[in-house]
PDB file of all heavy atoms in Angstrom:
ATOM      1  N   CYS A   1      77.618  89.397 122.811  1.00  0.00           N
ATOM      2  CA  CYS A   1      77.554  87.933 122.821  1.00  0.00           C
ATOM      3  C   CYS A   1      76.106  87.468 122.684  1.00  0.00           C
ATOM      4  O   CYS A   1      75.807  86.530 121.947  1.00  0.00           O
ATOM      5  CB  CYS A   1      78.171  87.408 124.109  1.00  0.00           C
ATOM      6  SG  CYS A   1      78.331  85.626 124.166  1.00  0.00           S
ATOM      7  N   TRP A   2      75.206  88.129 123.350  1.00  0.00           N
ATOM      8  CA  TRP A   2      73.791  87.776 123.289  1.00  0.00           C
ATOM      9  C   TRP A   2      73.257  87.961 121.866  1.00  0.00           C
ATOM     10  O   TRP A   2      72.559  87.107 121.333  1.00  0.00           O
ATOM     11  CB  TRP A   2      73.002  88.625 124.273  1.00  0.00           C
ATOM     12  CG  TRP A   2      71.540  88.368 124.233  1.00  0.00           C
ATOM     13  CD1 TRP A   2      70.572  89.183 123.714  1.00  0.00           C
ATOM     14  CD2 TRP A   2      70.862  87.207 124.707  1.00  0.00           C
ATOM     15  NE1 TRP A   2      69.345  88.610 123.844  1.00  0.00           N
ATOM     16  CE2 TRP A   2      69.493  87.381 124.454  1.00  0.00           C
ATOM     17  CE3 TRP A   2      71.282  86.038 125.323  1.00  0.00           C
ATOM     18  CZ2 TRP A   2      68.544  86.440 124.792  1.00  0.00           C
ATOM     19  CZ3 TRP A   2      70.330  85.093 125.660  1.00  0.00           C
ATOM     20  CH2 TRP A   2      68.978  85.299 125.391  1.00  0.00           C
ATOM     21  N   ARG A   3      73.615  89.083 121.237  1.00  0.00           N
ATOM     22  CA  ARG A   3      73.120  89.364 119.891  1.00  0.00           C
ATOM     23  C   ARG A   3      73.700  88.413 118.840  1.00  0.00           C
ATOM     24  O   ARG A   3      73.052  88.134 117.841  1.00  0.00           O
ATOM     25  CB  ARG A   3      73.440  90.807 119.502  1.00  0.00           C
ATOM     26  CG  ARG A   3      72.519  91.808 120.150  1.00  0.00           C
ATOM     27  CD  ARG A   3      72.766  93.197 119.609  1.00  0.00           C
ATOM     28  NE  ARG A   3      72.951  94.084 120.736  1.00  0.00           N
ATOM     29  CZ  ARG A   3      74.086  94.668 121.077  1.00  0.00           C
ATOM     30  NH1 ARG A   3      75.164  94.519 120.364  1.00  0.00           N
ATOM     31  NH2 ARG A   3      74.157  95.443 122.138  1.00  0.00           N
ATOM     32  N   GLN A   4      74.922  87.942 119.044  1.00  0.00           N
ATOM     33  CA  GLN A   4      75.582  87.097 118.049  1.00  0.00           C
ATOM     34  C   GLN A   4      75.281  85.615 118.225  1.00  0.00           C
ATOM     35  O   GLN A   4      75.739  84.797 117.439  1.00  0.00           O
ATOM     36  CB  GLN A   4      77.101  87.309 118.111  1.00  0.00           C
ATOM     37  CG  GLN A   4      77.526  88.675 117.661  1.00  0.00           C
ATOM     38  CD  GLN A   4      79.015  88.905 117.854  1.00  0.00           C
ATOM     39  OE1 GLN A   4      79.698  88.130 118.508  1.00  0.00           O
ATOM     40  NE2 GLN A   4      79.513  89.985 117.293  1.00  0.00           N
ATOM     41  N   ARG A   5      74.497  85.241 119.219  1.00  0.00           N
ATOM     42  CA  ARG A   5      74.273  83.825 119.500  1.00  0.00           C
ATOM     43  C   ARG A   5      73.602  83.090 118.360  1.00  0.00           C
ATOM     44  O   ARG A   5      73.789  81.892 118.200  1.00  0.00           O
ATOM     45  CB  ARG A   5      73.507  83.656 120.805  1.00  0.00           C
ATOM     46  CG  ARG A   5      72.046  83.990 120.712  1.00  0.00           C
ATOM     47  CD  ARG A   5      71.392  84.034 122.072  1.00  0.00           C
ATOM     48  NE  ARG A   5      69.965  84.204 121.976  1.00  0.00           N
ATOM     49  CZ  ARG A   5      69.355  85.315 121.638  1.00  0.00           C
ATOM     50  NH1 ARG A   5      70.058  86.395 121.351  1.00  0.00           N
ATOM     51  NH2 ARG A   5      68.039  85.367 121.572  1.00  0.00           N
ATOM     52  N   GLU A   6      72.804  83.800 117.539  1.00  0.00           N
ATOM     53  CA  GLU A   6      72.128  83.157 116.405  1.00  0.00           C
ATOM     54  C   GLU A   6      73.113  82.789 115.296  1.00  0.00           C
ATOM     55  O   GLU A   6      72.921  81.797 114.609  1.00  0.00           O
ATOM     56  CB  GLU A   6      71.056  84.096 115.835  1.00  0.00           C
ATOM     57  CG  GLU A   6      69.991  84.497 116.818  1.00  0.00           C
ATOM     58  CD  GLU A   6      69.027  83.368 117.132  1.00  0.00           C
ATOM     59  OE1 GLU A   6      68.819  82.524 116.246  1.00  0.00           O
ATOM     60  OE2 GLU A   6      68.494  83.340 118.248  1.00  0.00           O
ATOM     61  N   ASP A   7      74.163  83.581 115.127  1.00  0.00           N
ATOM     62  CA  ASP A   7      75.100  83.389 114.015  1.00  0.00           C
ATOM     63  C   ASP A   7      76.400  82.707 114.408  1.00  0.00           C
ATOM     64  O   ASP A   7      77.143  82.260 113.537  1.00  0.00           O
ATOM     65  CB  ASP A   7      75.449  84.754 113.393  1.00  0.00           C
ATOM     66  CG  ASP A   7      74.214  85.491 112.906  1.00  0.00           C
ATOM     67  OD1 ASP A   7      73.305  84.823 112.392  1.00  0.00           O
ATOM     68  OD2 ASP A   7      74.166  86.724 113.052  1.00  0.00           O
ATOM     69  N   ASP A   8      76.704  82.663 115.683  1.00  0.00           N
ATOM     70  CA  ASP A   8      77.990  82.151 116.141  1.00  0.00           C
ATOM     71  C   ASP A   8      77.779  81.006 117.129  1.00  0.00           C
ATOM     72  O   ASP A   8      77.338  81.228 118.250  1.00  0.00           O
ATOM     73  CB  ASP A   8      78.774  83.289 116.800  1.00  0.00           C
ATOM     74  CG  ASP A   8      80.146  82.885 117.277  1.00  0.00           C
ATOM     75  OD1 ASP A   8      80.512  81.700 117.131  1.00  0.00           O
ATOM     76  OD2 ASP A   8      80.858  83.751 117.808  1.00  0.00           O
ATOM     77  N   PRO A   9      78.099  79.771 116.733  1.00  0.00           N
ATOM     78  CA  PRO A   9      77.865  78.643 117.629  1.00  0.00           C
ATOM     79  C   PRO A   9      78.679  78.716 118.922  1.00  0.00           C
ATOM     80  O   PRO A   9      78.226  78.261 119.967  1.00  0.00           O
ATOM     81  CB  PRO A   9      78.260  77.416 116.806  1.00  0.00           C
ATOM     82  CG  PRO A   9      78.792  77.898 115.519  1.00  0.00           C
ATOM     83  CD  PRO A   9      78.600  79.364 115.434  1.00  0.00           C
ATOM     84  N   VAL A  10      79.853  79.325 118.866  1.00  0.00           N
ATOM     85  CA  VAL A  10      80.673  79.462 120.082  1.00  0.00           C
ATOM     86  C   VAL A  10      79.992  80.427 121.048  1.00  0.00           C
ATOM     87  O   VAL A  10      79.880  80.151 122.246  1.00  0.00           O
ATOM     88  CB  VAL A  10      82.105  79.940 119.740  1.00  0.00           C
ATOM     89  CG1 VAL A  10      82.888  80.254 120.993  1.00  0.00           C
ATOM     90  CG2 VAL A  10      82.817  78.891 118.892  1.00  0.00           C
ATOM     91  N   ALA A  11      79.501  81.551 120.527  1.00  0.00           N
ATOM     92  CA  ALA A  11      78.784  82.509 121.379  1.00  0.00           C
ATOM     93  C   ALA A  11      77.509  81.881 121.927  1.00  0.00           C
ATOM     94  O   ALA A  11      77.156  82.090 123.088  1.00  0.00           O
ATOM     95  CB  ALA A  11      78.459  83.780 120.595  1.00  0.00           C
ATOM     96  N   ALA A  12      76.834  81.093 121.106  1.00  0.00           N
ATOM     97  CA  ALA A  12      75.593  80.443 121.559  1.00  0.00           C
ATOM     98  C   ALA A  12      75.877  79.468 122.684  1.00  0.00           C
ATOM     99  O   ALA A  12      75.167  79.444 123.696  1.00  0.00           O
ATOM    100  CB  ALA A  12      74.926  79.729 120.386  1.00  0.00           C
ATOM    101  N   ALA A  13      76.917  78.653 122.538  1.00  0.00           N
ATOM    102  CA  ALA A  13      77.257  77.677 123.583  1.00  0.00           C
ATOM    103  C   ALA A  13      77.684  78.377 124.869  1.00  0.00           C
ATOM    104  O   ALA A  13      77.253  78.001 125.967  1.00  0.00           O
ATOM    105  CB  ALA A  13      78.364  76.745 123.095  1.00  0.00           C
ATOM    106  N   ALA A  14      78.509  79.414 124.740  1.00  0.00           N
ATOM    107  CA  ALA A  14      78.965  80.146 125.925  1.00  0.00           C
ATOM    108  C   ALA A  14      77.796  80.835 126.617  1.00  0.00           C
ATOM    109  O   ALA A  14      77.715  80.862 127.848  1.00  0.00           O
ATOM    110  CB  ALA A  14      80.033  81.173 125.532  1.00  0.00           C
ATOM    111  N   THR A  15      76.872  81.361 125.833  1.00  0.00           N
ATOM    112  CA  THR A  15      75.685  82.016 126.395  1.00  0.00           C
ATOM    113  C   THR A  15      74.825  81.017 127.155  1.00  0.00           C
ATOM    114  O   THR A  15      74.372  81.285 128.266  1.00  0.00           O
ATOM    115  CB  THR A  15      74.874  82.695 125.272  1.00  0.00           C
ATOM    116  OG1 THR A  15      75.692  83.686 124.651  1.00  0.00           O
ATOM    117  CG2 THR A  15      73.627  83.343 125.810  1.00  0.00           C
ATOM    118  N   ARG A  16      74.602  79.845 126.561  1.00  0.00           N
ATOM    119  CA  ARG A  16      73.807  78.811 127.244  1.00  0.00           C
ATOM    120  C   ARG A  16      74.459  78.399 128.563  1.00  0.00           C
ATOM    121  O   ARG A  16      73.791  78.271 129.583  1.00  0.00           O
ATOM    122  CB  ARG A  16      73.665  77.577 126.339  1.00  0.00           C
ATOM    123  CG  ARG A  16      72.563  77.695 125.323  1.00  0.00           C
ATOM    124  CD  ARG A  16      72.263  76.349 124.674  1.00  0.00           C
ATOM    125  NE  ARG A  16      73.443  75.724 124.077  1.00  0.00           N
ATOM    126  CZ  ARG A  16      73.894  75.969 122.843  1.00  0.00           C
ATOM    127  NH1 ARG A  16      73.249  76.814 122.079  1.00  0.00           N
ATOM    128  NH2 ARG A  16      74.960  75.358 122.379  1.00  0.00           N
ATOM    129  N   GLU A  17      75.787  78.198 128.533  1.00  0.00           N
ATOM    130  CA  GLU A  17      76.501  77.809 129.759  1.00  0.00           C
ATOM    131  C   GLU A  17      76.377  78.876 130.835  1.00  0.00           C
ATOM    132  O   GLU A  17      76.145  78.571 132.002  1.00  0.00           O
ATOM    133  CB  GLU A  17      77.989  77.585 129.459  1.00  0.00           C
ATOM    134  CG  GLU A  17      78.289  76.333 128.699  1.00  0.00           C
ATOM    135  CD  GLU A  17      79.774  76.195 128.412  1.00  0.00           C
ATOM    136  OE1 GLU A  17      80.598  76.618 129.257  1.00  0.00           O
ATOM    137  OE2 GLU A  17      80.108  75.678 127.344  1.00  0.00           O
ATOM    138  N   MET A  18      76.548  80.128 130.444  1.00  0.00           N
ATOM    139  CA  MET A  18      76.508  81.228 131.398  1.00  0.00           C
ATOM    140  C   MET A  18      75.113  81.370 132.006  1.00  0.00           C
ATOM    141  O   MET A  18      74.967  81.527 133.212  1.00  0.00           O
ATOM    142  CB  MET A  18      76.920  82.527 130.717  1.00  0.00           C
ATOM    143  CG  MET A  18      77.050  83.698 131.649  1.00  0.00           C
ATOM    144  SD  MET A  18      78.358  83.539 132.869  1.00  0.00           S
ATOM    145  CE  MET A  18      79.787  83.333 131.858  1.00  0.00           C
ATOM    146  N   LEU A  19      74.094  81.311 131.172  1.00  0.00           N
ATOM    147  CA  LEU A  19      72.728  81.420 131.682  1.00  0.00           C
ATOM    148  C   LEU A  19      72.392  80.267 132.613  1.00  0.00           C
ATOM    149  O   LEU A  19      71.780  80.463 133.664  1.00  0.00           O
ATOM    150  CB  LEU A  19      71.728  81.484 130.532  1.00  0.00           C
ATOM    151  CG  LEU A  19      71.716  82.776 129.726  1.00  0.00           C
ATOM    152  CD1 LEU A  19      70.776  82.651 128.538  1.00  0.00           C
ATOM    153  CD2 LEU A  19      71.336  83.959 130.581  1.00  0.00           C
ATOM    154  N   ALA A  20      72.810  79.054 132.240  1.00  0.00           N
ATOM    155  CA  ALA A  20      72.548  77.895 133.096  1.00  0.00           C
ATOM    156  C   ALA A  20      73.261  78.034 134.435  1.00  0.00           C
ATOM    157  O   ALA A  20      72.686  77.738 135.489  1.00  0.00           O
ATOM    158  CB  ALA A  20      72.989  76.614 132.385  1.00  0.00           C
ATOM    159  N   ALA A  21      74.502  78.510 134.408  1.00  0.00           N
ATOM    160  CA  ALA A  21      75.254  78.675 135.654  1.00  0.00           C
ATOM    161  C   ALA A  21      74.598  79.705 136.563  1.00  0.00           C
ATOM    162  O   ALA A  21      74.636  79.580 137.785  1.00  0.00           O
ATOM    163  CB  ALA A  21      76.697  79.083 135.350  1.00  0.00           C
ATOM    164  N   ALA A  22      73.979  80.718 135.955  1.00  0.00           N
ATOM    165  CA  ALA A  22      73.329  81.770 136.739  1.00  0.00           C
ATOM    166  C   ALA A  22      71.878  81.421 137.091  1.00  0.00           C
ATOM    167  O   ALA A  22      71.236  82.147 137.837  1.00  0.00           O
ATOM    168  CB  ALA A  22      73.359  83.086 135.963  1.00  0.00           C
ATOM    169  N   GLY A  23      71.370  80.318 136.544  1.00  0.00           N
ATOM    170  CA  GLY A  23      70.003  79.902 136.849  1.00  0.00           C
ATOM    171  C   GLY A  23      68.936  80.608 136.031  1.00  0.00           C
ATOM    172  O   GLY A  23      67.792  80.723 136.463  1.00  0.00           O
ATOM    173  N   TYR A  24      69.299  81.088 134.831  1.00  0.00           N
ATOM    174  CA  TYR A  24      68.350  81.785 133.965  1.00  0.00           C
ATOM    175  C   TYR A  24      68.155  81.040 132.659  1.00  0.00           C
ATOM    176  O   TYR A  24      68.966  80.213 132.273  1.00  0.00           O
ATOM    177  CB  TYR A  24      68.828  83.214 133.668  1.00  0.00           C
ATOM    178  CG  TYR A  24      68.747  84.119 134.857  1.00  0.00           C
ATOM    179  CD1 TYR A  24      69.865  84.372 135.635  1.00  0.00           C
ATOM    180  CD2 TYR A  24      67.548  84.717 135.213  1.00  0.00           C
ATOM    181  CE1 TYR A  24      69.788  85.198 136.747  1.00  0.00           C
ATOM    182  CE2 TYR A  24      67.465  85.546 136.321  1.00  0.00           C
ATOM    183  CZ  TYR A  24      68.591  85.784 137.078  1.00  0.00           C
ATOM    184  OH  TYR A  24      68.511  86.594 138.165  1.00  0.00           O
ATOM    185  N   GLN A  25      67.090  81.391 131.969  1.00  0.00           N
ATOM    186  CA  GLN A  25      66.772  80.859 130.647  1.00  0.00           C
ATOM    187  C   GLN A  25      66.838  82.008 129.637  1.00  0.00           C
ATOM    188  O   GLN A  25      66.690  83.174 130.017  1.00  0.00           O
ATOM    189  CB  GLN A  25      65.351  80.271 130.642  1.00  0.00           C
ATOM    190  CG  GLN A  25      65.146  79.139 131.603  1.00  0.00           C
ATOM    191  CD  GLN A  25      65.989  77.930 131.208  1.00  0.00           C
ATOM    192  OE1 GLN A  25      66.129  77.609 130.036  1.00  0.00           O
ATOM    193  NE2 GLN A  25      66.563  77.272 132.202  1.00  0.00           N
ATOM    194  N   PRO A  26      67.022  81.703 128.348  1.00  0.00           N
ATOM    195  CA  PRO A  26      67.018  82.768 127.335  1.00  0.00           C
ATOM    196  C   PRO A  26      65.751  83.614 127.372  1.00  0.00           C
ATOM    197  O   PRO A  26      65.797  84.822 127.120  1.00  0.00           O
ATOM    198  CB  PRO A  26      67.145  82.010 126.013  1.00  0.00           C
ATOM    199  CG  PRO A  26      67.848  80.748 126.375  1.00  0.00           C
ATOM    200  CD  PRO A  26      67.361  80.403 127.762  1.00  0.00           C
ATOM    201  N   GLU A  27      64.625  83.008 127.716  1.00  0.00           N
ATOM    202  CA  GLU A  27      63.367  83.757 127.787  1.00  0.00           C
ATOM    203  C   GLU A  27      63.430  84.858 128.850  1.00  0.00           C
ATOM    204  O   GLU A  27      62.804  85.907 128.708  1.00  0.00           O
ATOM    205  CB  GLU A  27      62.191  82.820 128.100  1.00  0.00           C
ATOM    206  CG  GLU A  27      61.943  81.776 127.030  1.00  0.00           C
ATOM    207  CD  GLU A  27      62.916  80.582 127.105  1.00  0.00           C
ATOM    208  OE1 GLU A  27      63.467  80.294 128.187  1.00  0.00           O
ATOM    209  OE2 GLU A  27      63.124  79.962 126.055  1.00  0.00           O
ATOM    210  N   ASP A  28      64.195  84.618 129.920  1.00  0.00           N
ATOM    211  CA  ASP A  28      64.343  85.629 130.965  1.00  0.00           C
ATOM    212  C   ASP A  28      65.043  86.872 130.428  1.00  0.00           C
ATOM    213  O   ASP A  28      64.670  88.001 130.745  1.00  0.00           O
ATOM    214  CB  ASP A  28      65.121  85.069 132.161  1.00  0.00           C
ATOM    215  CG  ASP A  28      64.417  83.909 132.824  1.00  0.00           C
ATOM    216  OD1 ASP A  28      63.170  83.920 132.902  1.00  0.00           O
ATOM    217  OD2 ASP A  28      65.119  82.975 133.266  1.00  0.00           O
ATOM    218  N   VAL A  29      66.054  86.667 129.598  1.00  0.00           N
ATOM    219  CA  VAL A  29      66.785  87.792 129.016  1.00  0.00           C
ATOM    220  C   VAL A  29      65.893  88.524 128.025  1.00  0.00           C
ATOM    221  O   VAL A  29      65.849  89.759 128.012  1.00  0.00           O
ATOM    222  CB  VAL A  29      68.095  87.318 128.345  1.00  0.00           C
ATOM    223  CG1 VAL A  29      68.828  88.491 127.698  1.00  0.00           C
ATOM    224  CG2 VAL A  29      68.992  86.620 129.355  1.00  0.00           C
ATOM    225  N   ASP A  30      65.174  87.767 127.196  1.00  0.00           N
ATOM    226  CA  ASP A  30      64.237  88.397 126.249  1.00  0.00           C
ATOM    227  C   ASP A  30      63.216  89.254 126.982  1.00  0.00           C
ATOM    228  O   ASP A  30      62.931  90.385 126.578  1.00  0.00           O
ATOM    229  CB  ASP A  30      63.514  87.337 125.415  1.00  0.00           C
ATOM    230  CG  ASP A  30      64.419  86.651 124.408  1.00  0.00           C
ATOM    231  OD1 ASP A  30      65.399  87.284 123.959  1.00  0.00           O
ATOM    232  OD2 ASP A  30      64.146  85.483 124.078  1.00  0.00           O
ATOM    233  N   ARG A  31      62.657  88.734 128.068  1.00  0.00           N
ATOM    234  CA  ARG A  31      61.669  89.482 128.853  1.00  0.00           C
ATOM    235  C   ARG A  31      62.294  90.756 129.430  1.00  0.00           C
ATOM    236  O   ARG A  31      61.692  91.827 129.390  1.00  0.00           O
ATOM    237  CB  ARG A  31      61.098  88.609 129.970  1.00  0.00           C
ATOM    238  CG  ARG A  31      59.971  89.285 130.733  1.00  0.00           C
ATOM    239  CD  ARG A  31      59.328  88.404 131.787  1.00  0.00           C
ATOM    240  NE  ARG A  31      60.301  87.954 132.782  1.00  0.00           N
ATOM    241  CZ  ARG A  31      60.747  86.699 132.911  1.00  0.00           C
ATOM    242  NH1 ARG A  31      60.298  85.750 132.121  1.00  0.00           N
ATOM    243  NH2 ARG A  31      61.634  86.390 133.822  1.00  0.00           N
ATOM    244  N   SER A  32      63.520  90.654 129.931  1.00  0.00           N
ATOM    245  CA  SER A  32      64.199  91.834 130.481  1.00  0.00           C
ATOM    246  C   SER A  32      64.430  92.891 129.407  1.00  0.00           C
ATOM    247  O   SER A  32      64.274  94.088 129.666  1.00  0.00           O
ATOM    248  CB  SER A  32      65.542  91.439 131.099  1.00  0.00           C
ATOM    249  OG  SER A  32      65.342  90.626 132.214  1.00  0.00           O
ATOM    250  N   GLU A  33      64.812  92.452 128.209  1.00  0.00           N
ATOM    251  CA  GLU A  33      65.009  93.404 127.114  1.00  0.00           C
ATOM    252  C   GLU A  33      63.711  94.120 126.768  1.00  0.00           C
ATOM    253  O   GLU A  33      63.704  95.329 126.539  1.00  0.00           O
ATOM    254  CB  GLU A  33      65.545  92.696 125.874  1.00  0.00           C
ATOM    255  CG  GLU A  33      67.004  92.335 125.954  1.00  0.00           C
ATOM    256  CD  GLU A  33      67.509  91.695 124.678  1.00  0.00           C
ATOM    257  OE1 GLU A  33      66.728  90.970 123.999  1.00  0.00           O
ATOM    258  OE2 GLU A  33      68.671  91.928 124.352  1.00  0.00           O
ATOM    259  N   ARG A  34      62.607  93.381 126.712  1.00  0.00           N
ATOM    260  CA  ARG A  34      61.310  94.007 126.419  1.00  0.00           C
ATOM    261  C   ARG A  34      60.914  94.994 127.521  1.00  0.00           C
ATOM    262  O   ARG A  34      60.442  96.097 127.243  1.00  0.00           O
ATOM    263  CB  ARG A  34      60.228  92.944 126.242  1.00  0.00           C
ATOM    264  CG  ARG A  34      60.329  92.173 124.940  1.00  0.00           C
ATOM    265  CD  ARG A  34      59.108  91.317 124.687  1.00  0.00           C
ATOM    266  NE  ARG A  34      58.805  90.402 125.786  1.00  0.00           N
ATOM    267  CZ  ARG A  34      59.297  89.171 125.914  1.00  0.00           C
ATOM    268  NH1 ARG A  34      60.122  88.698 125.010  1.00  0.00           N
ATOM    269  NH2 ARG A  34      58.961  88.420 126.939  1.00  0.00           N
ATOM    270  N   GLU A  35      61.097  94.616 128.776  1.00  0.00           N
ATOM    271  CA  GLU A  35      60.769  95.506 129.890  1.00  0.00           C
ATOM    272  C   GLU A  35      61.613  96.771 129.846  1.00  0.00           C
ATOM    273  O   GLU A  35      61.109  97.872 130.077  1.00  0.00           O
ATOM    274  CB  GLU A  35      60.971  94.785 131.222  1.00  0.00           C
ATOM    275  CG  GLU A  35      59.940  93.718 131.492  1.00  0.00           C
ATOM    276  CD  GLU A  35      60.264  92.907 132.738  1.00  0.00           C
ATOM    277  OE1 GLU A  35      61.211  93.255 133.482  1.00  0.00           O
ATOM    278  OE2 GLU A  35      59.578  91.901 132.972  1.00  0.00           O
ATOM    279  N   TYR A  36      62.902  96.617 129.517  1.00  0.00           N
ATOM    280  CA  TYR A  36      63.779  97.783 129.427  1.00  0.00           C
ATOM    281  C   TYR A  36      63.320  98.703 128.299  1.00  0.00           C
ATOM    282  O   TYR A  36      63.272  99.922 128.467  1.00  0.00           O
ATOM    283  CB  TYR A  36      65.231  97.355 129.206  1.00  0.00           C
ATOM    284  CG  TYR A  36      66.144  98.528 129.000  1.00  0.00           C
ATOM    285  CD1 TYR A  36      66.551  99.300 130.085  1.00  0.00           C
ATOM    286  CD2 TYR A  36      66.582  98.890 127.739  1.00  0.00           C
ATOM    287  CE1 TYR A  36      67.384 100.395 129.913  1.00  0.00           C
ATOM    288  CE2 TYR A  36      67.413  99.983 127.551  1.00  0.00           C
ATOM    289  CZ  TYR A  36      67.802 100.721 128.636  1.00  0.00           C
ATOM    290  OH  TYR A  36      68.611 101.794 128.453  1.00  0.00           O
ATOM    291  N   ALA A  37      62.963  98.131 127.137  1.00  0.00           N
ATOM    292  CA  ALA A  37      62.507  98.947 126.010  1.00  0.00           C
ATOM    293  C   ALA A  37      61.243  99.724 126.373  1.00  0.00           C
ATOM    294  O   ALA A  37      61.122 100.908 126.041  1.00  0.00           O
ATOM    295  CB  ALA A  37      62.267  98.059 124.791  1.00  0.00           C
ATOM    296  N   ARG A  38      60.302  99.071 127.063  1.00  0.00           N
ATOM    297  CA  ARG A  38      59.078  99.763 127.494  1.00  0.00           C
ATOM    298  C   ARG A  38      59.401 100.887 128.482  1.00  0.00           C
ATOM    299  O   ARG A  38      58.865 101.989 128.381  1.00  0.00           O
ATOM    300  CB  ARG A  38      58.093  98.784 128.126  1.00  0.00           C
ATOM    301  CG  ARG A  38      57.308  97.986 127.113  1.00  0.00           C
ATOM    302  CD  ARG A  38      56.115  97.285 127.743  1.00  0.00           C
ATOM    303  NE  ARG A  38      56.482  96.414 128.852  1.00  0.00           N
ATOM    304  CZ  ARG A  38      56.790  95.125 128.745  1.00  0.00           C
ATOM    305  NH1 ARG A  38      56.793  94.548 127.561  1.00  0.00           N
ATOM    306  NH2 ARG A  38      57.096  94.406 129.799  1.00  0.00           N
ATOM    307  N   MET A  39      60.289 100.613 129.422  1.00  0.00           N
ATOM    308  CA  MET A  39      60.668 101.626 130.397  1.00  0.00           C
ATOM    309  C   MET A  39      61.344 102.815 129.705  1.00  0.00           C
ATOM    310  O   MET A  39      61.055 103.969 129.993  1.00  0.00           O
ATOM    311  CB  MET A  39      61.607 101.038 131.441  1.00  0.00           C
ATOM    312  CG  MET A  39      62.100 102.047 132.457  1.00  0.00           C
ATOM    313  SD  MET A  39      63.498 101.458 133.406  1.00  0.00           S
ATOM    314  CE  MET A  39      64.770 101.416 132.165  1.00  0.00           C
TER     315      MET A  39
END
């Protein structure tokens, strides 16, 4: 769902709702992905 958010408006909307409900921003997920790749 995260990867398809650029191409799928439904996935993008659901992703935004989920992140907002959890208190996160897309930048938080991007940062986590970068940290995981470095680790």
